PDB file of all heavy atoms in Angstrom:
ATOM      1  N   LEU A   1       8.506 -25.719  34.437  1.00  0.00           N
ATOM      2  CA  LEU A   1       8.056 -25.432  33.084  1.00  0.00           C
ATOM      3  C   LEU A   1       7.454 -24.041  33.022  1.00  0.00           C
ATOM      4  O   LEU A   1       6.553 -23.718  33.775  1.00  0.00           O
ATOM      5  CB  LEU A   1       7.043 -26.518  32.592  1.00  0.00           C
ATOM      6  CG  LEU A   1       6.396 -26.285  31.238  1.00  0.00           C
ATOM      7  CD1 LEU A   1       7.437 -26.497  30.116  1.00  0.00           C
ATOM      8  CD2 LEU A   1       5.209 -27.183  31.084  1.00  0.00           C
ATOM      9  N   VAL A   2       7.891 -23.255  32.023  1.00  0.00           N
ATOM     10  CA  VAL A   2       7.320 -21.960  31.812  1.00  0.00           C
ATOM     11  C   VAL A   2       6.174 -22.045  30.838  1.00  0.00           C
ATOM     12  O   VAL A   2       5.135 -21.465  31.007  1.00  0.00           O
ATOM     13  CB  VAL A   2       8.414 -20.955  31.262  1.00  0.00           C
ATOM     14  CG1 VAL A   2       7.768 -19.646  30.847  1.00  0.00           C
ATOM     15  CG2 VAL A   2       9.558 -20.729  32.278  1.00  0.00           C
ATOM     16  N   GLY A   3       6.421 -22.818  29.779  1.00  0.00           N
ATOM     17  CA  GLY A   3       5.404 -23.034  28.769  1.00  0.00           C
ATOM     18  C   GLY A   3       5.892 -23.980  27.668  1.00  0.00           C
ATOM     19  O   GLY A   3       7.072 -24.294  27.645  1.00  0.00           O
ATOM     20  N   SER A   4       4.953 -24.307  26.797  1.00  0.00           N
ATOM     21  CA  SER A   4       5.271 -25.234  25.743  1.00  0.00           C
ATOM     22  C   SER A   4       4.587 -24.835  24.450  1.00  0.00           C
ATOM     23  O   SER A   4       3.649 -24.006  24.480  1.00  0.00           O
ATOM     24  CB  SER A   4       4.917 -26.658  26.085  1.00  0.00           C
ATOM     25  OG  SER A   4       3.530 -26.737  26.328  1.00  0.00           O
ATOM     26  N   ILE A   5       5.138 -25.374  23.348  1.00  0.00           N
ATOM     27  CA  ILE A   5       4.538 -25.094  22.017  1.00  0.00           C
ATOM     28  C   ILE A   5       4.589 -26.372  21.223  1.00  0.00           C
ATOM     29  O   ILE A   5       5.656 -27.003  21.152  1.00  0.00           O
ATOM     30  CB  ILE A   5       5.221 -23.899  21.349  1.00  0.00           C
ATOM     31  CG1 ILE A   5       4.562 -23.559  20.043  1.00  0.00           C
ATOM     32  CG2 ILE A   5       6.706 -24.164  21.168  1.00  0.00           C
ATOM     33  CD1 ILE A   5       4.934 -22.221  19.421  1.00  0.00           C
ATOM     34  N   THR A   6       3.479 -26.767  20.632  1.00  0.00           N
ATOM     35  CA  THR A   6       3.449 -27.941  19.800  1.00  0.00           C
ATOM     36  C   THR A   6       3.993 -27.711  18.397  1.00  0.00           C
ATOM     37  O   THR A   6       4.298 -26.527  18.036  1.00  0.00           O
ATOM     38  CB  THR A   6       1.988 -28.442  19.638  1.00  0.00           C
ATOM     39  OG1 THR A   6       1.295 -27.517  18.872  1.00  0.00           O
ATOM     40  CG2 THR A   6       1.310 -28.662  21.002  1.00  0.00           C
ATOM     41  N   ARG A   7       4.185 -28.690  17.697  1.00  0.00           N
ATOM     42  CA  ARG A   7       4.670 -28.567  16.302  1.00  0.00           C
ATOM     43  C   ARG A   7       3.763 -27.650  15.534  1.00  0.00           C
ATOM     44  O   ARG A   7       4.211 -26.878  14.620  1.00  0.00           O
ATOM     45  CB  ARG A   7       4.759 -29.926  15.590  1.00  0.00           C
ATOM     46  CG  ARG A   7       5.901 -30.786  16.132  1.00  0.00           C
ATOM     47  CD  ARG A   7       5.762 -32.178  15.594  1.00  0.00           C
ATOM     48  NE  ARG A   7       5.597 -32.256  14.199  1.00  0.00           N
ATOM     49  CZ  ARG A   7       5.373 -33.392  13.548  1.00  0.00           C
ATOM     50  NH1 ARG A   7       5.192 -34.522  14.215  1.00  0.00           N
ATOM     51  NH2 ARG A   7       5.191 -33.411  12.200  1.00  0.00           N
ATOM     52  N   GLY A   8       2.506 -27.668  15.815  1.00  0.00           N
ATOM     53  CA  GLY A   8       1.507 -26.902  15.069  1.00  0.00           C
ATOM     54  C   GLY A   8       1.305 -25.482  15.638  1.00  0.00           C
ATOM     55  O   GLY A   8       0.545 -24.705  15.150  1.00  0.00           O
ATOM     56  N   GLY A   9       2.027 -25.195  16.721  1.00  0.00           N
ATOM     57  CA  GLY A   9       1.986 -23.817  17.267  1.00  0.00           C
ATOM     58  C   GLY A   9       1.055 -23.565  18.437  1.00  0.00           C
ATOM     59  O   GLY A   9       0.817 -22.460  18.831  1.00  0.00           O
ATOM     60  N   ILE A  10       0.451 -24.672  18.936  1.00  0.00           N
ATOM     61  CA  ILE A  10      -0.451 -24.506  20.107  1.00  0.00           C
ATOM     62  C   ILE A  10       0.415 -24.350  21.326  1.00  0.00           C
ATOM     63  O   ILE A  10       1.314 -25.133  21.598  1.00  0.00           O
ATOM     64  CB  ILE A  10      -1.363 -25.721  20.211  1.00  0.00           C
ATOM     65  CG1 ILE A  10      -2.246 -25.802  19.029  1.00  0.00           C
ATOM     66  CG2 ILE A  10      -2.202 -25.623  21.473  1.00  0.00           C
ATOM     67  CD1 ILE A  10      -3.119 -27.088  18.942  1.00  0.00           C
ATOM     68  N   THR A  11       0.095 -23.327  22.100  1.00  0.00           N
ATOM     69  CA  THR A  11       0.898 -23.006  23.274  1.00  0.00           C
ATOM     70  C   THR A  11       0.142 -23.199  24.584  1.00  0.00           C
ATOM     71  O   THR A  11      -1.087 -23.126  24.619  1.00  0.00           O
ATOM     72  CB  THR A  11       1.350 -21.531  23.198  1.00  0.00           C
ATOM     73  OG1 THR A  11       0.247 -20.675  23.049  1.00  0.00           O
ATOM     74  CG2 THR A  11       2.386 -21.309  22.136  1.00  0.00           C
ATOM     75  N   ASN A  12       0.898 -23.443  25.594  1.00  0.00           N
ATOM     76  CA  ASN A  12       0.336 -23.536  26.974  1.00  0.00           C
ATOM     77  C   ASN A  12       1.399 -22.890  27.901  1.00  0.00           C
ATOM     78  O   ASN A  12       2.567 -22.975  27.666  1.00  0.00           O
ATOM     79  CB  ASN A  12       0.135 -25.013  27.444  1.00  0.00           C
ATOM     80  CG  ASN A  12      -1.151 -25.554  26.910  1.00  0.00           C
ATOM     81  OD1 ASN A  12      -2.239 -25.193  27.369  1.00  0.00           O
ATOM     82  ND2 ASN A  12      -1.061 -26.423  25.951  1.00  0.00           N
ATOM     83  N   TYR A  13       0.867 -22.244  28.925  1.00  0.00           N
ATOM     84  CA  TYR A  13       1.734 -21.514  29.823  1.00  0.00           C
ATOM     85  C   TYR A  13       1.426 -21.766  31.256  1.00  0.00           C
ATOM     86  O   TYR A  13       0.362 -22.085  31.689  1.00  0.00           O
ATOM     87  CB  TYR A  13       1.561 -20.013  29.582  1.00  0.00           C
ATOM     88  CG  TYR A  13       1.921 -19.547  28.142  1.00  0.00           C
ATOM     89  CD1 TYR A  13       0.917 -19.412  27.175  1.00  0.00           C
ATOM     90  CD2 TYR A  13       3.215 -19.284  27.839  1.00  0.00           C
ATOM     91  CE1 TYR A  13       1.192 -19.015  25.910  1.00  0.00           C
ATOM     92  CE2 TYR A  13       3.498 -18.901  26.521  1.00  0.00           C
ATOM     93  CZ  TYR A  13       2.520 -18.766  25.564  1.00  0.00           C
ATOM     94  OH  TYR A  13       2.810 -18.420  24.264  1.00  0.00           O
ATOM     95  N   ALA A  14       2.483 -21.649  32.099  1.00  0.00           N
ATOM     96  CA  ALA A  14       2.296 -21.650  33.554  1.00  0.00           C
ATOM     97  C   ALA A  14       1.436 -20.461  33.981  1.00  0.00           C
ATOM     98  O   ALA A  14       1.548 -19.428  33.341  1.00  0.00           O
ATOM     99  CB  ALA A  14       3.597 -21.636  34.251  1.00  0.00           C
ATOM    100  N   ASP A  15       0.655 -20.688  34.990  1.00  0.00           N
ATOM    101  CA  ASP A  15      -0.238 -19.574  35.409  1.00  0.00           C
ATOM    102  C   ASP A  15       0.561 -18.326  35.790  1.00  0.00           C
ATOM    103  O   ASP A  15       0.120 -17.267  35.557  1.00  0.00           O
ATOM    104  CB  ASP A  15      -1.050 -20.044  36.636  1.00  0.00           C
ATOM    105  CG  ASP A  15      -2.129 -21.045  36.209  1.00  0.00           C
ATOM    106  OD1 ASP A  15      -2.480 -21.150  35.116  1.00  0.00           O
ATOM    107  OD2 ASP A  15      -2.625 -21.743  37.175  1.00  0.00           O
ATOM    108  N   SER A  16       1.758 -18.508  36.281  1.00  0.00           N
ATOM    109  CA  SER A  16       2.522 -17.383  36.712  1.00  0.00           C
ATOM    110  C   SER A  16       3.014 -16.508  35.572  1.00  0.00           C
ATOM    111  O   SER A  16       3.374 -15.337  35.834  1.00  0.00           O
ATOM    112  CB  SER A  16       3.755 -17.879  37.503  1.00  0.00           C
ATOM    113  OG  SER A  16       4.572 -18.714  36.692  1.00  0.00           O
ATOM    114  N   VAL A  17       2.999 -16.953  34.368  1.00  0.00           N
ATOM    115  CA  VAL A  17       3.478 -16.185  33.233  1.00  0.00           C
ATOM    116  C   VAL A  17       2.365 -15.874  32.205  1.00  0.00           C
ATOM    117  O   VAL A  17       2.642 -15.194  31.200  1.00  0.00           O
ATOM    118  CB  VAL A  17       4.760 -16.816  32.549  1.00  0.00           C
ATOM    119  CG1 VAL A  17       5.776 -17.146  33.587  1.00  0.00           C
ATOM    120  CG2 VAL A  17       4.289 -18.090  31.864  1.00  0.00           C
ATOM    121  N   LYS A  18       1.259 -16.469  32.363  1.00  0.00           N
ATOM    122  CA  LYS A  18       0.204 -16.382  31.437  1.00  0.00           C
ATOM    123  C   LYS A  18      -0.157 -14.856  31.209  1.00  0.00           C
ATOM    124  O   LYS A  18      -0.358 -14.081  32.159  1.00  0.00           O
ATOM    125  CB  LYS A  18      -1.066 -17.124  31.884  1.00  0.00           C
ATOM    126  CG  LYS A  18      -1.862 -17.797  30.812  1.00  0.00           C
ATOM    127  CD  LYS A  18      -2.966 -18.701  31.442  1.00  0.00           C
ATOM    128  CE  LYS A  18      -2.395 -20.037  31.764  1.00  0.00           C
ATOM    129  NZ  LYS A  18      -3.423 -21.007  32.214  1.00  0.00           N
ATOM    130  N   GLY A  19      -0.247 -14.504  29.885  1.00  0.00           N
ATOM    131  CA  GLY A  19      -0.575 -13.132  29.610  1.00  0.00           C
ATOM    132  C   GLY A  19       0.631 -12.201  29.537  1.00  0.00           C
ATOM    133  O   GLY A  19       0.563 -11.083  29.068  1.00  0.00           O
ATOM    134  N   ARG A  20       1.782 -12.709  29.949  1.00  0.00           N
ATOM    135  CA  ARG A  20       3.082 -11.874  29.994  1.00  0.00           C
ATOM    136  C   ARG A  20       4.087 -12.492  29.024  1.00  0.00           C
ATOM    137  O   ARG A  20       4.878 -11.749  28.467  1.00  0.00           O
ATOM    138  CB  ARG A  20       3.629 -11.776  31.369  1.00  0.00           C
ATOM    139  CG  ARG A  20       2.672 -11.155  32.413  1.00  0.00           C
ATOM    140  CD  ARG A  20       3.416 -10.879  33.720  1.00  0.00           C
ATOM    141  NE  ARG A  20       3.860 -12.095  34.338  1.00  0.00           N
ATOM    142  CZ  ARG A  20       5.105 -12.397  34.642  1.00  0.00           C
ATOM    143  NH1 ARG A  20       6.094 -11.440  34.372  1.00  0.00           N
ATOM    144  NH2 ARG A  20       5.493 -13.483  35.236  1.00  0.00           N
ATOM    145  N   PHE A  21       4.086 -13.856  28.917  1.00  0.00           N
ATOM    146  CA  PHE A  21       5.076 -14.495  28.099  1.00  0.00           C
ATOM    147  C   PHE A  21       4.439 -15.085  26.858  1.00  0.00           C
ATOM    148  O   PHE A  21       3.285 -15.555  26.947  1.00  0.00           O
ATOM    149  CB  PHE A  21       5.763 -15.617  28.894  1.00  0.00           C
ATOM    150  CG  PHE A  21       6.680 -15.188  30.006  1.00  0.00           C
ATOM    151  CD1 PHE A  21       6.694 -13.850  30.429  1.00  0.00           C
ATOM    152  CD2 PHE A  21       7.519 -16.079  30.613  1.00  0.00           C
ATOM    153  CE1 PHE A  21       7.575 -13.436  31.452  1.00  0.00           C
ATOM    154  CE2 PHE A  21       8.405 -15.712  31.645  1.00  0.00           C
ATOM    155  CZ  PHE A  21       8.414 -14.407  32.062  1.00  0.00           C
ATOM    156  N   THR A  22       5.218 -15.117  25.761  1.00  0.00           N
ATOM    157  CA  THR A  22       4.713 -15.702  24.489  1.00  0.00           C
ATOM    158  C   THR A  22       5.791 -16.559  23.927  1.00  0.00           C
ATOM    159  O   THR A  22       6.975 -16.105  23.743  1.00  0.00           O
ATOM    160  CB  THR A  22       4.361 -14.553  23.499  1.00  0.00           C
ATOM    161  OG1 THR A  22       3.354 -13.753  24.083  1.00  0.00           O
ATOM    162  CG2 THR A  22       3.802 -15.231  22.220  1.00  0.00           C
ATOM    163  N   ILE A  23       5.455 -17.771  23.618  1.00  0.00           N
ATOM    164  CA  ILE A  23       6.342 -18.700  23.012  1.00  0.00           C
ATOM    165  C   ILE A  23       5.964 -18.877  21.508  1.00  0.00           C
ATOM    166  O   ILE A  23       4.835 -18.900  21.120  1.00  0.00           O
ATOM    167  CB  ILE A  23       6.319 -20.102  23.623  1.00  0.00           C
ATOM    168  CG1 ILE A  23       6.715 -20.036  25.133  1.00  0.00           C
ATOM    169  CG2 ILE A  23       7.161 -21.121  22.880  1.00  0.00           C
ATOM    170  CD1 ILE A  23       6.539 -21.352  25.879  1.00  0.00           C
ATOM    171  N   SER A  24       7.039 -18.857  20.667  1.00  0.00           N
ATOM    172  CA  SER A  24       6.795 -19.040  19.251  1.00  0.00           C
ATOM    173  C   SER A  24       7.926 -19.900  18.724  1.00  0.00           C
ATOM    174  O   SER A  24       8.939 -20.213  19.398  1.00  0.00           O
ATOM    175  CB  SER A  24       6.767 -17.702  18.433  1.00  0.00           C
ATOM    176  OG  SER A  24       7.940 -17.041  18.679  1.00  0.00           O
ATOM    177  N   ARG A  25       7.762 -20.327  17.468  1.00  0.00           N
ATOM    178  CA  ARG A  25       8.808 -21.213  16.871  1.00  0.00           C
ATOM    179  C   ARG A  25       8.961 -20.953  15.424  1.00  0.00           C
ATOM    180  O   ARG A  25       8.010 -20.525  14.787  1.00  0.00           O
ATOM    181  CB  ARG A  25       8.426 -22.689  17.144  1.00  0.00           C
ATOM    182  CG  ARG A  25       7.217 -23.161  16.491  1.00  0.00           C
ATOM    183  CD  ARG A  25       6.786 -24.533  17.035  1.00  0.00           C
ATOM    184  NE  ARG A  25       7.709 -25.585  16.694  1.00  0.00           N
ATOM    185  CZ  ARG A  25       7.776 -26.706  17.351  1.00  0.00           C
ATOM    186  NH1 ARG A  25       6.949 -26.980  18.330  1.00  0.00           N
ATOM    187  NH2 ARG A  25       8.624 -27.573  17.038  1.00  0.00           N
ATOM    188  N   ASP A  26      10.141 -21.266  14.910  1.00  0.00           N
ATOM    189  CA  ASP A  26      10.408 -21.195  13.491  1.00  0.00           C
ATOM    190  C   ASP A  26      11.081 -22.528  13.155  1.00  0.00           C
ATOM    191  O   ASP A  26      12.187 -22.799  13.313  1.00  0.00           O
ATOM    192  CB  ASP A  26      11.402 -20.009  13.178  1.00  0.00           C
ATOM    193  CG  ASP A  26      11.610 -19.839  11.661  1.00  0.00           C
ATOM    194  OD1 ASP A  26      11.457 -20.818  10.909  1.00  0.00           O
ATOM    195  OD2 ASP A  26      11.971 -18.758  11.255  1.00  0.00           O
ATOM    196  N   ASN A  27      10.177 -23.416  12.601  1.00  0.00           N
ATOM    197  CA  ASN A  27      10.633 -24.787  12.335  1.00  0.00           C
ATOM    198  C   ASN A  27      11.702 -24.782  11.301  1.00  0.00           C
ATOM    199  O   ASN A  27      12.658 -25.600  11.364  1.00  0.00           O
ATOM    200  CB  ASN A  27       9.473 -25.625  11.911  1.00  0.00           C
ATOM    201  CG  ASN A  27       8.492 -25.923  13.025  1.00  0.00           C
ATOM    202  OD1 ASN A  27       8.830 -25.822  14.238  1.00  0.00           O
ATOM    203  ND2 ASN A  27       7.264 -26.280  12.663  1.00  0.00           N
TER     204      ASN A  27
END
């Protein structure tokens, strides 16, 4: 897992990518 994003836009990231990767969504 690299990271995840909830329906409301809350994100979590693996430590290895934190601060470098950003997840977003367009429902």
